[in-house]
Amino acid sequence: MANKPLKPCNHMRCPNLTREQYCEQHKSNTNAYDKHRGTAAQRGYNSKWRKARNTYLMKHPFCVECAKDGITNPATVVDHIVPHKGNQQLFWDSKNNWQSLCVTHHNRKTLTQDMGKW
């Protein structure tokens, strides 16, 4: 059986190549974060969330960050503006705490603003 090809580490700006998601240097940092935050289901991302998310995206179909640059780009993610950290009131506050984002803007926000706020 052949080995998987090397690919870049998923850690932002890491030049290391790996056959897994993260290189050895960043594997331990990510695992600690993932263990602390729990699974998606434990954080409330269940069928009720998926239904609310789909309804929100139908009403707000474009990325709000792309729109700031005059670009009309479909949104695929409903982002919590303020990380909810398990707070159900923040989690379900669609009027004040949700925004539609494309994957690129969501990932950028998560890496630069939300990581470490747990």
N, C-alpha and C. Protein backbone atom coordinates (compact mmCIF):
# COMPACT_ATOMS: atom_id res chain seq x y z
N MET A 1 0.85 -1.17 0.00
CA MET A 1 0.00 0.00 0.00
C MET A 1 0.90 1.24 0.00
N ALA A 2 0.61 2.16 -0.87
CA ALA A 2 1.42 3.38 -0.99
C ALA A 2 1.08 4.37 0.12
N ASN A 3 2.09 5.15 0.50
CA ASN A 3 1.86 6.20 1.50
C ASN A 3 1.05 7.33 0.90
N LYS A 4 0.32 8.04 1.74
CA LYS A 4 -0.40 9.23 1.30
C LYS A 4 0.62 10.26 0.86
N PRO A 5 0.28 11.09 -0.12
CA PRO A 5 1.21 12.15 -0.52
C PRO A 5 1.32 13.21 0.57
N LEU A 6 2.45 13.87 0.61
CA LEU A 6 2.64 14.97 1.56
C LEU A 6 1.81 16.16 1.14
N LYS A 7 1.28 16.86 2.12
CA LYS A 7 0.50 18.08 1.86
C LYS A 7 0.86 19.09 2.93
N PRO A 8 0.57 20.37 2.70
CA PRO A 8 0.89 21.39 3.70
C PRO A 8 0.10 21.18 4.99
N CYS A 9 0.72 21.50 6.10
CA CYS A 9 0.07 21.48 7.41
C CYS A 9 -1.09 22.47 7.39
N ASN A 10 -2.19 22.14 8.05
CA ASN A 10 -3.36 23.02 8.08
C ASN A 10 -3.22 24.20 9.02
N HIS A 11 -2.15 24.24 9.80
CA HIS A 11 -1.94 25.37 10.69
C HIS A 11 -1.56 26.59 9.85
N MET A 12 -2.17 27.72 10.17
CA MET A 12 -1.97 28.94 9.37
C MET A 12 -0.48 29.28 9.23
N ARG A 13 -0.03 29.45 8.01
CA ARG A 13 1.32 29.86 7.64
C ARG A 13 2.42 28.86 7.99
N CYS A 14 2.05 27.64 8.25
CA CYS A 14 3.06 26.62 8.55
C CYS A 14 3.61 26.06 7.23
N PRO A 15 4.94 26.07 7.06
CA PRO A 15 5.53 25.58 5.81
C PRO A 15 5.77 24.06 5.80
N ASN A 16 5.53 23.39 6.91
CA ASN A 16 5.82 21.96 7.02
C ASN A 16 4.86 21.12 6.18
N LEU A 17 5.38 20.00 5.67
CA LEU A 17 4.56 19.04 4.93
C LEU A 17 4.27 17.85 5.82
N THR A 18 3.09 17.26 5.64
CA THR A 18 2.65 16.14 6.48
C THR A 18 1.72 15.24 5.69
N ARG A 19 1.53 14.04 6.18
CA ARG A 19 0.55 13.13 5.57
C ARG A 19 -0.77 13.18 6.33
N GLU A 20 -0.79 13.92 7.41
CA GLU A 20 -2.00 14.05 8.23
C GLU A 20 -2.52 15.48 8.12
N GLN A 21 -3.46 15.83 8.98
CA GLN A 21 -4.04 17.17 8.94
C GLN A 21 -3.04 18.23 9.41
N TYR A 22 -2.27 17.92 10.46
CA TYR A 22 -1.30 18.85 11.02
C TYR A 22 0.06 18.17 11.14
N CYS A 23 1.12 18.97 11.04
CA CYS A 23 2.47 18.45 11.23
C CYS A 23 2.69 18.13 12.71
N GLU A 24 3.79 17.46 13.03
CA GLU A 24 4.08 17.09 14.41
C GLU A 24 4.13 18.31 15.34
N GLN A 25 4.66 19.40 14.84
CA GLN A 25 4.79 20.62 15.65
C GLN A 25 3.43 21.17 16.07
N HIS A 26 2.43 21.09 15.20
CA HIS A 26 1.13 21.69 15.49
C HIS A 26 0.06 20.69 15.92
N LYS A 27 0.36 19.42 15.84
CA LYS A 27 -0.62 18.38 16.19
C LYS A 27 -1.05 18.50 17.66
N SER A 28 -0.11 18.71 18.56
CA SER A 28 -0.45 18.76 19.99
C SER A 28 -1.26 20.01 20.33
N ASN A 29 -0.97 21.14 19.71
CA ASN A 29 -1.73 22.37 19.97
C ASN A 29 -3.18 22.22 19.54
N THR A 30 -3.39 21.64 18.38
CA THR A 30 -4.73 21.49 17.84
C THR A 30 -5.53 20.49 18.64
N ASN A 31 -4.90 19.37 19.01
CA ASN A 31 -5.63 18.36 19.77
C ASN A 31 -6.13 18.91 21.10
N ALA A 32 -5.34 19.73 21.78
CA ALA A 32 -5.76 20.31 23.05
C ALA A 32 -6.96 21.21 22.84
N TYR A 33 -6.92 22.00 21.78
CA TYR A 33 -8.05 22.90 21.49
C TYR A 33 -9.29 22.09 21.16
N ASP A 34 -9.15 21.09 20.30
CA ASP A 34 -10.30 20.28 19.91
C ASP A 34 -10.91 19.54 21.09
N LYS A 35 -10.06 19.04 22.00
CA LYS A 35 -10.57 18.32 23.18
C LYS A 35 -11.36 19.27 24.08
N HIS A 36 -10.90 20.49 24.20
CA HIS A 36 -11.56 21.47 25.06
C HIS A 36 -12.91 21.89 24.51
N ARG A 37 -12.99 22.04 23.21
CA ARG A 37 -14.22 22.57 22.62
C ARG A 37 -15.32 21.53 22.45
N GLY A 38 -15.00 20.26 22.48
CA GLY A 38 -16.01 19.22 22.34
C GLY A 38 -16.40 18.99 20.89
N THR A 39 -17.28 18.03 20.68
CA THR A 39 -17.73 17.71 19.34
C THR A 39 -18.75 18.74 18.87
N ALA A 40 -19.04 18.72 17.58
CA ALA A 40 -20.04 19.63 17.02
C ALA A 40 -21.39 19.43 17.71
N ALA A 41 -21.78 18.19 17.91
CA ALA A 41 -23.05 17.90 18.56
C ALA A 41 -23.07 18.43 20.00
N GLN A 42 -21.95 18.27 20.71
CA GLN A 42 -21.86 18.78 22.08
C GLN A 42 -21.96 20.30 22.12
N ARG A 43 -21.55 20.96 21.04
CA ARG A 43 -21.59 22.42 20.99
C ARG A 43 -22.93 22.93 20.46
N GLY A 44 -23.87 22.04 20.14
CA GLY A 44 -25.21 22.46 19.73
C GLY A 44 -25.48 22.43 18.25
N TYR A 45 -24.53 21.97 17.45
CA TYR A 45 -24.72 21.93 16.00
C TYR A 45 -25.39 20.63 15.60
N ASN A 46 -26.70 20.59 15.81
CA ASN A 46 -27.49 19.39 15.59
C ASN A 46 -28.53 19.66 14.49
N SER A 47 -29.54 18.83 14.38
CA SER A 47 -30.56 19.00 13.32
C SER A 47 -31.34 20.30 13.50
N LYS A 48 -31.59 20.70 14.73
CA LYS A 48 -32.28 21.97 14.96
C LYS A 48 -31.44 23.14 14.43
N TRP A 49 -30.12 23.09 14.68
CA TRP A 49 -29.21 24.11 14.16
C TRP A 49 -29.20 24.10 12.63
N ARG A 50 -29.10 22.91 12.04
CA ARG A 50 -29.02 22.83 10.57
C ARG A 50 -30.26 23.42 9.93
N LYS A 51 -31.42 23.19 10.52
CA LYS A 51 -32.65 23.76 9.98
C LYS A 51 -32.63 25.28 10.10
N ALA A 52 -32.24 25.80 11.26
CA ALA A 52 -32.16 27.26 11.47
C ALA A 52 -31.13 27.87 10.54
N ARG A 53 -30.00 27.20 10.38
CA ARG A 53 -28.92 27.67 9.50
C ARG A 53 -29.41 27.78 8.06
N ASN A 54 -30.09 26.75 7.58
CA ASN A 54 -30.59 26.76 6.20
C ASN A 54 -31.61 27.87 5.99
N THR A 55 -32.48 28.07 6.96
CA THR A 55 -33.48 29.15 6.87
C THR A 55 -32.78 30.51 6.84
N TYR A 56 -31.77 30.69 7.68
CA TYR A 56 -31.04 31.96 7.72
C TYR A 56 -30.32 32.22 6.40
N LEU A 57 -29.68 31.19 5.85
CA LEU A 57 -28.97 31.36 4.57
C LEU A 57 -29.92 31.65 3.42
N MET A 58 -31.14 31.14 3.49
CA MET A 58 -32.13 31.45 2.44
C MET A 58 -32.51 32.93 2.51
N LYS A 59 -32.60 33.47 3.71
CA LYS A 59 -32.96 34.88 3.89
C LYS A 59 -31.77 35.81 3.70
N HIS A 60 -30.55 35.32 3.94
CA HIS A 60 -29.32 36.12 3.84
C HIS A 60 -28.30 35.32 3.02
N PRO A 61 -28.49 35.27 1.69
CA PRO A 61 -27.71 34.34 0.87
C PRO A 61 -26.29 34.78 0.50
N PHE A 62 -25.89 36.01 0.84
CA PHE A 62 -24.58 36.50 0.40
C PHE A 62 -23.66 36.81 1.58
N CYS A 63 -22.37 36.61 1.33
CA CYS A 63 -21.35 36.86 2.34
C CYS A 63 -21.29 38.35 2.67
N VAL A 64 -21.42 38.68 3.96
CA VAL A 64 -21.41 40.09 4.36
C VAL A 64 -20.03 40.72 4.22
N GLU A 65 -18.97 39.93 4.35
CA GLU A 65 -17.61 40.46 4.20
C GLU A 65 -17.29 40.73 2.73
N CYS A 66 -17.69 39.85 1.85
CA CYS A 66 -17.49 40.08 0.41
C CYS A 66 -18.26 41.33 -0.02
N ALA A 67 -19.47 41.49 0.52
CA ALA A 67 -20.31 42.65 0.17
C ALA A 67 -19.63 43.97 0.54
N LYS A 68 -18.84 43.98 1.61
CA LYS A 68 -18.11 45.19 2.00
C LYS A 68 -17.13 45.63 0.91
N ASP A 69 -16.67 44.66 0.10
CA ASP A 69 -15.76 44.95 -1.00
C ASP A 69 -16.49 45.08 -2.34
N GLY A 70 -17.81 45.12 -2.28
CA GLY A 70 -18.61 45.24 -3.49
C GLY A 70 -18.72 43.97 -4.30
N ILE A 71 -18.46 42.83 -3.67
CA ILE A 71 -18.51 41.54 -4.34
C ILE A 71 -19.74 40.78 -3.88
N THR A 72 -20.47 40.20 -4.83
CA THR A 72 -21.62 39.37 -4.51
C THR A 72 -21.16 37.92 -4.56
N ASN A 73 -20.99 37.33 -3.39
CA ASN A 73 -20.49 35.95 -3.28
C ASN A 73 -21.44 35.16 -2.39
N PRO A 74 -21.86 33.97 -2.81
CA PRO A 74 -22.78 33.19 -1.99
C PRO A 74 -22.17 32.84 -0.63
N ALA A 75 -23.00 32.92 0.38
CA ALA A 75 -22.60 32.51 1.73
C ALA A 75 -22.93 31.04 1.89
N THR A 76 -22.07 30.33 2.60
CA THR A 76 -22.31 28.92 2.87
C THR A 76 -22.23 28.60 4.36
N VAL A 77 -21.88 29.62 5.17
CA VAL A 77 -21.68 29.43 6.60
C VAL A 77 -22.47 30.49 7.36
N VAL A 78 -23.12 30.08 8.44
CA VAL A 78 -23.71 31.04 9.37
C VAL A 78 -22.72 31.14 10.53
N ASP A 79 -22.17 32.33 10.69
CA ASP A 79 -21.14 32.58 11.69
C ASP A 79 -21.74 33.24 12.92
N HIS A 80 -21.25 32.85 14.09
CA HIS A 80 -21.60 33.56 15.32
C HIS A 80 -20.62 34.71 15.45
N ILE A 81 -21.11 35.93 15.38
CA ILE A 81 -20.25 37.12 15.41
C ILE A 81 -19.43 37.13 16.69
N VAL A 82 -20.10 36.95 17.81
CA VAL A 82 -19.42 36.79 19.10
C VAL A 82 -19.43 35.31 19.42
N PRO A 83 -18.27 34.68 19.62
CA PRO A 83 -18.26 33.25 19.94
C PRO A 83 -19.16 32.96 21.14
N HIS A 84 -20.02 31.96 21.00
CA HIS A 84 -21.02 31.70 22.04
C HIS A 84 -20.47 30.96 23.25
N LYS A 85 -19.38 30.21 23.09
CA LYS A 85 -18.74 29.48 24.20
C LYS A 85 -19.74 28.66 25.01
N GLY A 86 -20.76 28.15 24.35
CA GLY A 86 -21.76 27.34 25.03
C GLY A 86 -22.95 28.11 25.55
N ASN A 87 -22.93 29.44 25.49
CA ASN A 87 -24.04 30.28 25.93
C ASN A 87 -25.18 30.14 24.92
N GLN A 88 -26.26 29.49 25.33
CA GLN A 88 -27.38 29.21 24.43
C GLN A 88 -28.07 30.48 23.94
N GLN A 89 -28.11 31.52 24.75
CA GLN A 89 -28.72 32.78 24.32
C GLN A 89 -27.94 33.37 23.15
N LEU A 90 -26.61 33.40 23.26
CA LEU A 90 -25.77 33.88 22.16
C LEU A 90 -25.85 32.95 20.95
N PHE A 91 -25.88 31.65 21.21
CA PHE A 91 -25.92 30.66 20.14
C PHE A 91 -27.14 30.88 19.24
N TRP A 92 -28.31 31.14 19.84
CA TRP A 92 -29.55 31.23 19.08
C TRP A 92 -29.97 32.66 18.75
N ASP A 93 -29.15 33.65 19.03
CA ASP A 93 -29.49 35.06 18.75
C ASP A 93 -29.25 35.39 17.28
N SER A 94 -30.20 34.97 16.43
CA SER A 94 -30.05 35.15 14.99
C SER A 94 -30.10 36.61 14.57
N LYS A 95 -30.79 37.44 15.34
CA LYS A 95 -30.92 38.86 14.98
C LYS A 95 -29.63 39.64 15.20
N ASN A 96 -28.94 39.36 16.29
CA ASN A 96 -27.77 40.16 16.66
C ASN A 96 -26.43 39.44 16.57
N ASN A 97 -26.44 38.10 16.52
CA ASN A 97 -25.17 37.39 16.62
C ASN A 97 -24.89 36.43 15.46
N TRP A 98 -25.70 36.46 14.42
CA TRP A 98 -25.44 35.61 13.26
C TRP A 98 -25.11 36.49 12.07
N GLN A 99 -24.22 35.98 11.22
CA GLN A 99 -23.95 36.63 9.94
C GLN A 99 -23.62 35.56 8.91
N SER A 100 -23.97 35.84 7.67
CA SER A 100 -23.68 34.92 6.57
C SER A 100 -22.29 35.21 6.04
N LEU A 101 -21.49 34.15 5.89
CA LEU A 101 -20.14 34.30 5.38
C LEU A 101 -19.84 33.20 4.36
N CYS A 102 -18.91 33.48 3.46
CA CYS A 102 -18.36 32.44 2.60
C CYS A 102 -17.34 31.66 3.43
N VAL A 103 -16.93 30.51 2.96
CA VAL A 103 -15.99 29.68 3.71
C VAL A 103 -14.67 30.42 3.95
N THR A 104 -14.19 31.13 2.94
CA THR A 104 -12.92 31.84 3.07
C THR A 104 -12.96 32.86 4.20
N HIS A 105 -14.01 33.68 4.23
CA HIS A 105 -14.10 34.68 5.29
C HIS A 105 -14.35 34.05 6.65
N HIS A 106 -15.13 32.98 6.70
CA HIS A 106 -15.38 32.31 7.98
C HIS A 106 -14.08 31.72 8.54
N ASN A 107 -13.32 31.03 7.69
CA ASN A 107 -12.07 30.43 8.16
C ASN A 107 -11.08 31.51 8.60
N ARG A 108 -11.01 32.59 7.86
CA ARG A 108 -10.11 33.68 8.24
C ARG A 108 -10.51 34.26 9.59
N LYS A 109 -11.80 34.50 9.80
CA LYS A 109 -12.28 35.05 11.06
C LYS A 109 -11.99 34.08 12.21
N THR A 110 -12.27 32.82 11.99
CA THR A 110 -12.05 31.82 13.03
C THR A 110 -10.58 31.76 13.44
N LEU A 111 -9.68 31.76 12.46
CA LEU A 111 -8.26 31.67 12.77
C LEU A 111 -7.70 32.93 13.40
N THR A 112 -8.16 34.09 12.97
CA THR A 112 -7.57 35.34 13.47
C THR A 112 -8.27 35.92 14.69
N GLN A 113 -9.56 35.65 14.84
CA GLN A 113 -10.31 36.27 15.94
C GLN A 113 -10.79 35.28 17.00
N ASP A 114 -11.32 34.17 16.58
CA ASP A 114 -11.99 33.27 17.51
C ASP A 114 -11.08 32.26 18.20
N MET A 115 -10.01 31.83 17.56
CA MET A 115 -9.13 30.83 18.17
C MET A 115 -8.54 31.40 19.45
N GLY A 116 -8.54 30.59 20.48
CA GLY A 116 -7.98 31.02 21.74
C GLY A 116 -8.98 31.73 22.64
N LYS A 117 -10.19 31.97 22.16
CA LYS A 117 -11.19 32.63 23.01
C LYS A 117 -11.97 31.63 23.84
N TRP A 118 -11.63 30.35 23.71
CA TRP A 118 -12.30 29.34 24.51
C TRP A 118 -11.63 29.33 25.83
